[in-house]
């Protein structure tokens, strides 16, 4: 570089190199860039595209060596979040963004979510009335999730703690990026083998991540497969506040992968406590019933004793004796023994009134120990007569 009139003088190559040095010193080695993809095209294995917003644009490139590592490849008009760095070719003063990673932007994900939702809702695939009930105590379930992962570890631990009798079939699936076809294939395999394996329900799970990471679960084809699944399907995708299309078509949407297992498997400790309470109630009920039966048997035994022949004879004898005593108490002989007497005329007619006799009539008096023959001297009527 030489100077003239106090101004720096460059060759083209020197100027471009100075610009490159300035960019290297003054710009972050890596940065995040929000943009919309325009005109993506493959050239010699590299993905070239233009990153634009409402007011400007810049070229971008994903080198072939990096392209195979991306979980998401954008299409025209996709909103993306790029991890990139600046590339400046000093030989031709060309500037572009070298893309190290990219994923759908949140706005693009939400637009995709609403688009698919608008397609499926009129068909009734999101209708709660079509959802299948979950089995009470499934003999076996399938877990479709990333392997290995902390989400899987949590689910297996929770399943062991809650209900170890259920067999767990772990089905590894990728859960991020454009992997919907792989998930659909594994889901179809599980459904095909479900009867042989005794699988009664399926869990589709993914732990953590941003809403953008869950974009695969907004895929229309995957959602249709999930809705058509003949087995009860539980989703546990991301965090509690994340909702995907897969969640909407599932038979049960859990807030997290662990919550999906909790929803599907019974709690053995709770059931054990419940059984203890039922056992106590059953014992109490049996005790009360036995007491009632005991009282009934005692009553029946007492009635049977009363109907025993010996008891009947004794009871009859007692009744006869009571009647004999009553008859004896009402017998004329008892009256005679108390000092009363019976008066008969000579013809044997019982005298009941003084008007039946006259002076000189012969009468017979019957007393307790015999008879007295007498003759009427006089008669006197009573004041009441």
Protein backbone atom coordinates (compact mmCIF):
# COMPACT_ATOMS: atom_id res chain seq x y z
CA UNK A 1 0.00 0.00 0.00
CA UNK A 2 1.31 3.45 -0.85
CA UNK A 3 -0.09 6.87 -0.13
CA UNK A 4 -0.67 9.92 -2.28
CA UNK A 5 -2.20 13.17 -1.22
CA UNK A 6 -2.51 11.65 2.26
CA UNK A 7 -4.91 8.92 1.08
CA UNK A 8 -4.15 5.20 1.37
CA UNK A 9 -3.64 3.39 -1.91
CA UNK A 10 -4.55 -0.30 -2.39
CA UNK A 11 -4.31 -2.92 -5.01
CA UNK A 12 -7.54 -4.88 -5.49
CA UNK A 13 -6.15 -7.87 -3.67
CA UNK A 14 -4.79 -5.68 -0.86
CA UNK A 15 -8.16 -3.92 -0.47
CA UNK A 16 -10.02 -7.18 -0.34
CA UNK A 17 -7.57 -8.57 2.18
CA UNK A 18 -7.99 -5.48 4.34
CA UNK A 19 -11.74 -5.91 4.23
CA UNK A 20 -11.34 -9.57 5.20
CA UNK A 21 -9.08 -8.65 8.14
CA UNK A 22 -11.53 -5.98 9.25
CA UNK A 23 -14.38 -8.48 9.20
CA UNK A 24 -12.38 -11.07 11.08
CA UNK A 25 -11.41 -8.59 13.81
CA UNK A 26 -14.74 -6.83 14.14
CA UNK A 27 -17.31 -9.61 13.69
CA UNK A 28 -18.25 -12.53 15.94
CA UNK A 29 -16.87 -15.85 14.72
CA UNK A 30 -20.37 -17.35 15.07
CA UNK A 31 -23.81 -15.77 15.27
CA UNK A 32 -27.54 -16.51 15.09
CA UNK A 33 -29.48 -15.19 12.13
CA UNK A 34 -33.27 -15.17 11.69
CA UNK A 35 -34.29 -15.16 8.06
CA UNK A 36 -36.58 -16.52 5.38
CA UNK A 37 -35.18 -18.95 2.81
CA UNK A 38 -35.32 -17.94 -0.85
CA UNK A 39 -34.27 -19.92 -3.96
CA UNK A 40 -32.58 -22.93 -2.27
CA UNK A 41 -30.68 -25.11 -4.77
CA UNK A 42 -28.10 -27.86 -4.71
CA UNK A 43 -24.89 -27.34 -6.70
CA UNK A 44 -22.17 -29.99 -6.63
CA UNK A 45 -23.48 -31.29 -3.31
CA UNK A 46 -23.55 -27.87 -1.66
CA UNK A 47 -26.82 -26.14 -0.72
CA UNK A 48 -26.94 -22.55 -1.87
CA UNK A 49 -29.71 -20.20 -0.85
CA UNK A 50 -30.56 -16.59 -0.18
CA UNK A 51 -31.46 -15.44 3.33
CA UNK A 52 -33.88 -12.52 3.28
CA UNK A 53 -36.05 -10.38 5.53
CA UNK A 54 -38.40 -7.52 4.67
CA UNK A 55 -35.59 -5.13 3.76
CA UNK A 56 -32.39 -6.99 2.79
CA UNK A 57 -30.84 -10.23 1.64
CA UNK A 58 -27.56 -12.12 1.86
CA UNK A 59 -26.29 -15.28 0.27
CA UNK A 60 -25.86 -18.42 2.29
CA UNK A 61 -24.30 -21.83 1.76
CA UNK A 62 -24.26 -25.20 3.48
CA UNK A 63 -21.18 -27.12 2.41
CA UNK A 64 -21.71 -30.72 1.41
CA UNK A 65 -19.71 -31.95 4.42
CA UNK A 66 -22.14 -30.15 6.75
CA UNK A 67 -25.34 -30.73 4.79
CA UNK A 68 -25.59 -34.43 5.72
CA UNK A 69 -25.41 -33.50 9.41
CA UNK A 70 -28.41 -31.20 9.32
CA UNK A 71 -31.67 -32.54 10.73
CA UNK A 72 -33.69 -30.04 8.72
CA UNK A 73 -33.37 -28.96 5.10
CA UNK A 74 -35.33 -25.82 4.24
CA UNK A 75 -37.69 -25.18 1.37
CA UNK A 76 -38.71 -21.98 -0.38
CA UNK A 77 -40.31 -19.52 2.04
CA UNK A 78 -39.35 -21.39 5.23
CA UNK A 79 -38.53 -19.27 8.23
CA UNK A 80 -35.25 -20.44 9.75
CA UNK A 81 -32.89 -19.76 12.61
CA UNK A 82 -29.32 -20.08 11.34
CA UNK A 83 -26.12 -20.74 13.24
CA UNK A 84 -23.51 -19.32 10.92
CA UNK A 85 -20.35 -17.38 10.34
CA UNK A 86 -19.26 -14.94 7.62
CA UNK A 87 -17.31 -16.15 4.64
CA UNK A 88 -15.45 -13.50 2.64
CA UNK A 89 -13.56 -14.52 -0.46
CA UNK A 90 -10.87 -11.92 -0.91
CA UNK A 91 -10.16 -12.97 -4.51
CA UNK A 92 -13.55 -11.64 -5.66
CA UNK A 93 -14.79 -9.66 -2.64
CA UNK A 94 -17.69 -12.06 -2.28
CA UNK A 95 -19.51 -12.27 1.08
CA UNK A 96 -21.92 -14.96 2.23
CA UNK A 97 -23.11 -16.72 5.39
CA UNK A 98 -21.62 -20.14 5.90
CA UNK A 99 -24.42 -22.10 7.57
CA UNK A 100 -23.23 -24.43 10.32
CA UNK A 101 -26.71 -25.41 11.50
CA UNK A 102 -30.28 -24.30 10.93
CA UNK A 103 -33.71 -25.15 12.17
CA UNK A 104 -37.21 -23.86 11.53
CA UNK A 105 -37.94 -20.58 13.25
CA UNK A 106 -40.74 -20.47 15.81
CA UNK A 107 -42.96 -18.45 13.51
CA UNK A 108 -42.53 -21.01 10.73
CA UNK A 109 -43.25 -23.88 13.12
CA UNK A 110 -46.43 -22.22 14.35
CA UNK A 111 -47.57 -21.52 10.80
CA UNK A 112 -47.04 -25.19 9.95
CA UNK A 113 -48.94 -26.21 13.10
CA UNK A 114 -51.94 -24.05 12.15
CA UNK A 115 -51.87 -25.21 8.53
CA UNK A 116 -51.99 -28.91 9.44
CA UNK A 117 -54.56 -28.28 12.15
CA UNK A 118 -56.81 -26.54 9.64
CA UNK A 119 -56.55 -29.60 7.36
CA UNK A 120 -57.28 -32.25 10.01
CA UNK A 121 -59.91 -30.55 12.12
CA UNK A 122 -62.73 -30.60 9.52
CA UNK A 123 -62.15 -34.35 9.11
CA UNK A 124 -62.88 -34.93 12.81
CA UNK A 125 -59.38 -36.23 13.56
CA UNK A 126 -59.04 -33.81 16.48
CA UNK A 127 -62.50 -34.60 17.88
CA UNK A 128 -62.25 -35.76 21.53
CA UNK A 129 -65.15 -38.20 21.01
CA UNK A 130 -63.06 -40.38 18.68
CA UNK A 131 -60.32 -40.93 21.25
CA UNK A 132 -59.86 -44.44 22.66
CA UNK A 133 -59.85 -45.13 26.40
CA UNK A 134 -56.57 -46.20 27.96
CA UNK A 135 -56.24 -49.77 29.28
CA UNK A 136 -56.51 -50.05 33.07
CA UNK A 137 -53.60 -52.48 33.54
CA UNK A 138 -51.82 -53.06 30.22
CA UNK A 139 -49.87 -56.31 29.94
CA UNK A 140 -47.35 -54.65 27.62
CA UNK A 141 -46.71 -51.22 26.09
CA UNK A 142 -44.36 -49.85 23.45
CA UNK A 143 -42.22 -46.75 24.04
CA UNK A 144 -41.27 -44.94 20.84
CA UNK A 145 -38.51 -42.51 21.77
CA UNK A 146 -34.87 -41.62 21.32
CA UNK A 147 -32.36 -44.20 22.59
CA UNK A 148 -30.45 -43.57 24.75
CA UNK A 149 -31.99 -40.51 26.38
CA UNK A 150 -32.76 -39.13 29.81
CA UNK A 151 -36.45 -39.19 28.89
CA UNK A 152 -36.27 -42.95 28.30
CA UNK A 153 -34.40 -43.50 31.56
CA UNK A 154 -37.05 -41.55 33.45
CA UNK A 155 -39.88 -43.47 31.80
CA UNK A 156 -38.34 -46.87 32.53
CA UNK A 157 -37.68 -45.94 36.15
CA UNK A 158 -41.23 -44.64 36.58
CA UNK A 159 -42.70 -47.77 34.97
CA UNK A 160 -40.70 -49.99 37.32
CA UNK A 161 -41.80 -48.02 40.36
CA UNK A 162 -45.48 -47.85 39.41
CA UNK A 163 -46.32 -51.18 37.81
CA UNK A 164 -43.42 -53.60 37.12
CA UNK A 165 -45.86 -56.26 35.87
CA UNK A 166 -46.22 -54.41 32.54
CA UNK A 167 -43.69 -55.45 29.89
CA UNK A 168 -41.95 -52.50 28.23
CA UNK A 169 -40.92 -52.72 24.56
CA UNK A 170 -38.50 -49.90 23.75
CA UNK A 171 -38.65 -48.89 20.08
CA UNK A 172 -35.81 -46.48 19.12
CA UNK A 173 -36.87 -43.62 16.87
CA UNK A 174 -35.21 -40.32 15.90
CA UNK A 175 -37.15 -37.42 17.37
CA UNK A 176 -35.67 -34.30 15.78
CA UNK A 177 -35.44 -32.98 12.28
CA UNK A 178 -37.12 -34.31 9.15
CA UNK A 179 -37.52 -37.82 10.56
CA UNK A 180 -41.27 -38.28 10.19
CA UNK A 181 -40.89 -41.14 7.71
CA UNK A 182 -38.70 -43.09 10.14
CA UNK A 183 -41.19 -42.57 12.95
CA UNK A 184 -44.05 -43.66 10.70
CA UNK A 185 -42.17 -46.81 9.70
CA UNK A 186 -41.46 -47.81 13.31
CA UNK A 187 -45.04 -47.07 14.31
CA UNK A 188 -46.30 -49.34 11.52
CA UNK A 189 -43.95 -52.10 12.69
CA UNK A 190 -45.26 -51.86 16.27
CA UNK A 191 -48.89 -51.98 15.13
CA UNK A 192 -48.18 -55.00 12.94
CA UNK A 193 -46.55 -56.94 15.81
CA UNK A 194 -48.77 -55.68 18.61
CA UNK A 195 -50.96 -58.79 18.79
CA UNK A 196 -48.00 -61.20 18.91
CA UNK A 197 -46.23 -59.11 21.57
CA UNK A 198 -49.35 -58.43 23.61
CA UNK A 199 -48.91 -54.66 23.26
CA UNK A 200 -52.01 -52.81 24.46
CA UNK A 201 -50.88 -49.18 24.15
CA UNK A 202 -48.18 -47.00 22.57
CA UNK A 203 -46.26 -44.05 23.99
CA UNK A 204 -44.63 -41.52 21.63
CA UNK A 205 -42.21 -39.43 23.66
CA UNK A 206 -39.51 -36.82 23.37
CA UNK A 207 -37.93 -35.00 26.27
CA UNK A 208 -37.11 -31.29 26.46
CA UNK A 209 -36.13 -29.14 23.51
CA UNK A 210 -37.57 -25.97 22.07
CA UNK A 211 -40.85 -25.73 20.19
CA UNK A 212 -38.83 -25.65 16.99
CA UNK A 213 -37.28 -29.01 17.91
CA UNK A 214 -40.79 -30.51 18.02
CA UNK A 215 -41.65 -29.45 14.47
CA UNK A 216 -41.54 -33.05 13.18
CA UNK A 217 -44.59 -33.85 15.33
CA UNK A 218 -46.61 -31.31 13.34
CA UNK A 219 -46.19 -33.38 10.18
CA UNK A 220 -49.49 -34.11 8.44
CA UNK A 221 -48.69 -37.65 7.29
CA UNK A 222 -47.41 -38.63 10.73
CA UNK A 223 -50.49 -37.13 12.35
CA UNK A 224 -52.78 -39.18 10.10
CA UNK A 225 -50.92 -42.38 11.01
CA UNK A 226 -51.20 -41.57 14.69
CA UNK A 227 -54.92 -40.86 14.37
CA UNK A 228 -55.45 -44.17 12.55
CA UNK A 229 -53.50 -46.19 15.13
CA UNK A 230 -55.74 -49.06 16.35
CA UNK A 231 -54.05 -49.07 19.77
CA UNK A 232 -54.52 -46.37 22.40
CA UNK A 233 -51.79 -43.77 21.84
CA UNK A 234 -50.27 -41.50 24.49
CA UNK A 235 -47.94 -38.61 23.65
CA UNK A 236 -45.40 -37.04 25.97
CA UNK A 237 -43.60 -34.48 23.85
CA UNK A 238 -41.40 -31.68 25.13
CA UNK A 239 -42.55 -29.54 28.02
CA UNK A 240 -45.94 -29.01 29.60
CA UNK A 241 -46.70 -25.86 27.61
CA UNK A 242 -45.76 -27.40 24.24
CA UNK A 243 -48.62 -28.66 22.06
CA UNK A 244 -48.09 -30.36 18.70
CA UNK A 245 -50.42 -31.81 16.11
CA UNK A 246 -49.43 -35.28 17.37
CA UNK A 247 -50.73 -34.28 20.81
CA UNK A 248 -54.05 -33.21 19.32
CA UNK A 249 -54.69 -36.50 17.48
CA UNK A 250 -53.40 -38.75 20.29
CA UNK A 251 -55.86 -40.53 22.55
CA UNK A 252 -54.19 -38.93 25.56
CA UNK A 253 -51.77 -36.01 25.70
CA UNK A 254 -49.38 -36.01 28.67
CA UNK A 255 -47.34 -32.98 29.69
CA UNK A 256 -44.01 -34.86 29.69
CA UNK A 257 -42.66 -38.34 28.82
CA UNK A 258 -42.75 -39.34 32.49
CA UNK A 259 -46.33 -38.10 32.79
CA UNK A 260 -47.25 -40.31 29.81
CA UNK A 261 -46.13 -43.41 31.73
CA UNK A 262 -47.94 -42.19 34.84
CA UNK A 263 -51.15 -41.80 32.82
CA UNK A 264 -50.86 -45.27 31.33
CA UNK A 265 -49.72 -47.43 34.24
CA UNK A 266 -51.49 -47.87 37.58
CA UNK A 267 -49.72 -46.98 40.82
CA UNK A 268 -49.08 -50.20 42.73
CA UNK A 269 -48.68 -48.37 46.06
CA UNK A 270 -52.01 -46.62 45.60
CA UNK A 271 -53.65 -49.90 44.57
CA UNK A 272 -52.10 -51.71 47.54
CA UNK A 273 -53.52 -49.07 49.90
CA UNK A 274 -56.85 -49.33 48.12
CA UNK A 275 -56.83 -53.11 48.53
CA UNK A 276 -56.07 -52.77 52.23
CA UNK A 277 -59.01 -50.42 52.65
CA UNK A 278 -61.28 -52.76 50.70
CA UNK A 279 -60.04 -55.72 52.76
CA UNK A 280 -60.88 -53.86 55.97
CA UNK A 281 -64.34 -52.97 54.64
CA UNK A 282 -64.88 -56.56 53.54
CA UNK A 283 -63.88 -57.90 56.95
CA UNK A 284 -66.22 -55.45 58.64
CA UNK A 285 -69.03 -56.38 56.30
CA UNK A 286 -68.41 -60.10 56.86
CA UNK A 287 -68.33 -59.57 60.62
CA UNK A 288 -71.67 -57.78 60.55
CA UNK A 289 -73.17 -60.44 58.32
CA UNK A 290 -71.87 -63.24 60.54
CA UNK A 291 -73.36 -61.49 63.56
CA UNK A 292 -76.72 -61.21 61.82
CA UNK A 293 -76.58 -64.86 60.76
CA UNK A 294 -75.59 -65.90 64.28
CA UNK A 295 -78.59 -64.06 65.72
CA UNK A 296 -80.86 -65.59 63.09
CA UNK A 297 -79.55 -69.07 63.82
CA UNK A 298 -80.05 -68.58 67.53
CA UNK A 299 -83.62 -67.43 66.85
CA UNK A 300 -84.20 -70.44 64.60
CA UNK A 301 -82.70 -72.74 67.21
CA UNK A 302 -85.05 -71.35 69.86
CA UNK A 303 -88.04 -71.86 67.57
CA UNK A 304 -86.90 -75.39 66.76
CA UNK A 305 -86.62 -76.16 70.47
CA UNK A 306 -90.15 -74.91 70.91
CA UNK A 307 -91.31 -77.23 68.14
CA UNK A 308 -89.49 -80.30 69.54
CA UNK A 309 -91.98 -83.14 70.38
CA UNK A 310 -90.92 -83.24 74.01
CA UNK A 311 -91.33 -79.47 74.23
CA UNK A 312 -94.70 -79.66 72.48
CA UNK A 313 -95.87 -82.42 74.90
CA UNK A 314 -94.70 -80.41 77.89
CA UNK A 315 -96.34 -77.27 76.54
CA UNK A 316 -99.57 -79.15 75.83
CA UNK A 317 -99.49 -80.73 79.29
CA UNK A 318 -99.04 -77.32 80.84
CA UNK A 319 -101.98 -75.94 78.86
CA UNK A 320 -104.15 -78.88 79.91
CA UNK A 321 -103.19 -78.44 83.53
CA UNK A 322 -104.04 -74.75 83.31
CA UNK A 323 -107.42 -75.60 81.80
CA UNK A 324 -108.07 -78.25 84.43
CA UNK A 325 -107.28 -75.73 87.13
CA UNK A 326 -109.62 -73.26 85.43
CA UNK A 327 -112.36 -75.86 85.18
CA UNK A 328 -111.82 -76.81 88.78
CA UNK A 329 -111.99 -73.17 89.79
CA UNK A 330 -115.31 -72.84 87.95
CA UNK A 331 -116.67 -76.21 89.24
CA UNK A 332 -119.87 -76.11 91.40
CA UNK A 333 -118.04 -78.32 93.87
CA UNK A 334 -115.64 -75.44 94.58
CA UNK A 335 -118.65 -73.22 95.30
CA UNK A 336 -120.07 -75.83 97.63
CA UNK A 337 -116.73 -76.08 99.46
CA UNK A 338 -116.88 -72.33 100.00
CA UNK A 339 -120.23 -72.75 101.87
CA UNK A 340 -122.73 -72.41 99.07
CA UNK A 341 -125.41 -75.04 98.51
CA UNK A 342 -127.73 -76.16 95.71
CA UNK A 343 -131.48 -76.43 96.46
CA UNK A 344 -133.60 -78.94 94.53
CA UNK A 345 -137.34 -79.55 94.67
CA UNK A 346 -138.63 -83.04 95.19
CA UNK A 347 -138.74 -83.53 91.40
CA UNK A 348 -135.07 -82.52 91.13
CA UNK A 349 -135.68 -79.06 89.70
CA UNK A 350 -133.15 -76.51 90.83
CA UNK A 351 -134.65 -73.78 92.97
CA UNK A 352 -133.62 -70.37 91.77
CA UNK A 353 -136.41 -68.25 93.33
CA UNK A 354 -138.56 -68.29 96.49
CA UNK A 355 -141.56 -68.13 94.23
CA UNK A 356 -140.88 -71.73 93.15
CA UNK A 357 -141.68 -73.11 96.66
CA UNK A 358 -144.45 -72.95 99.25
CA UNK A 359 -144.69 -73.82 102.89
CA UNK A 360 -144.69 -77.55 103.35
CA UNK A 361 -142.70 -78.32 100.16
CA UNK A 362 -140.00 -80.92 100.60
CA UNK A 363 -136.55 -79.70 99.48
CA UNK A 364 -133.15 -81.28 99.14
CA UNK A 365 -130.04 -79.19 99.97
CA UNK A 366 -126.79 -80.23 98.34
CA UNK A 367 -123.69 -79.19 100.27
CA UNK A 368 -120.04 -80.01 99.81
CA UNK A 369 -120.10 -83.28 101.66
CA UNK A 370 -123.66 -84.53 101.07
CA UNK A 371 -127.39 -83.80 100.92
CA UNK A 372 -129.88 -82.45 103.44
CA UNK A 373 -133.60 -83.17 103.17
CA UNK A 374 -135.81 -80.46 104.64
CA UNK A 375 -139.34 -79.00 104.54
CA UNK A 376 -140.18 -75.36 103.83
CA UNK A 377 -141.67 -73.68 106.87
CA UNK A 378 -142.04 -70.18 105.47
CA UNK A 379 -140.76 -68.10 102.54
CA UNK A 380 -139.67 -64.49 102.44
CA UNK A 381 -138.88 -62.54 99.27
CA UNK A 382 -135.89 -60.24 99.17
CA UNK A 383 -136.24 -56.50 99.00
CA UNK A 384 -134.93 -56.61 95.39
CA UNK A 385 -137.34 -59.42 94.45
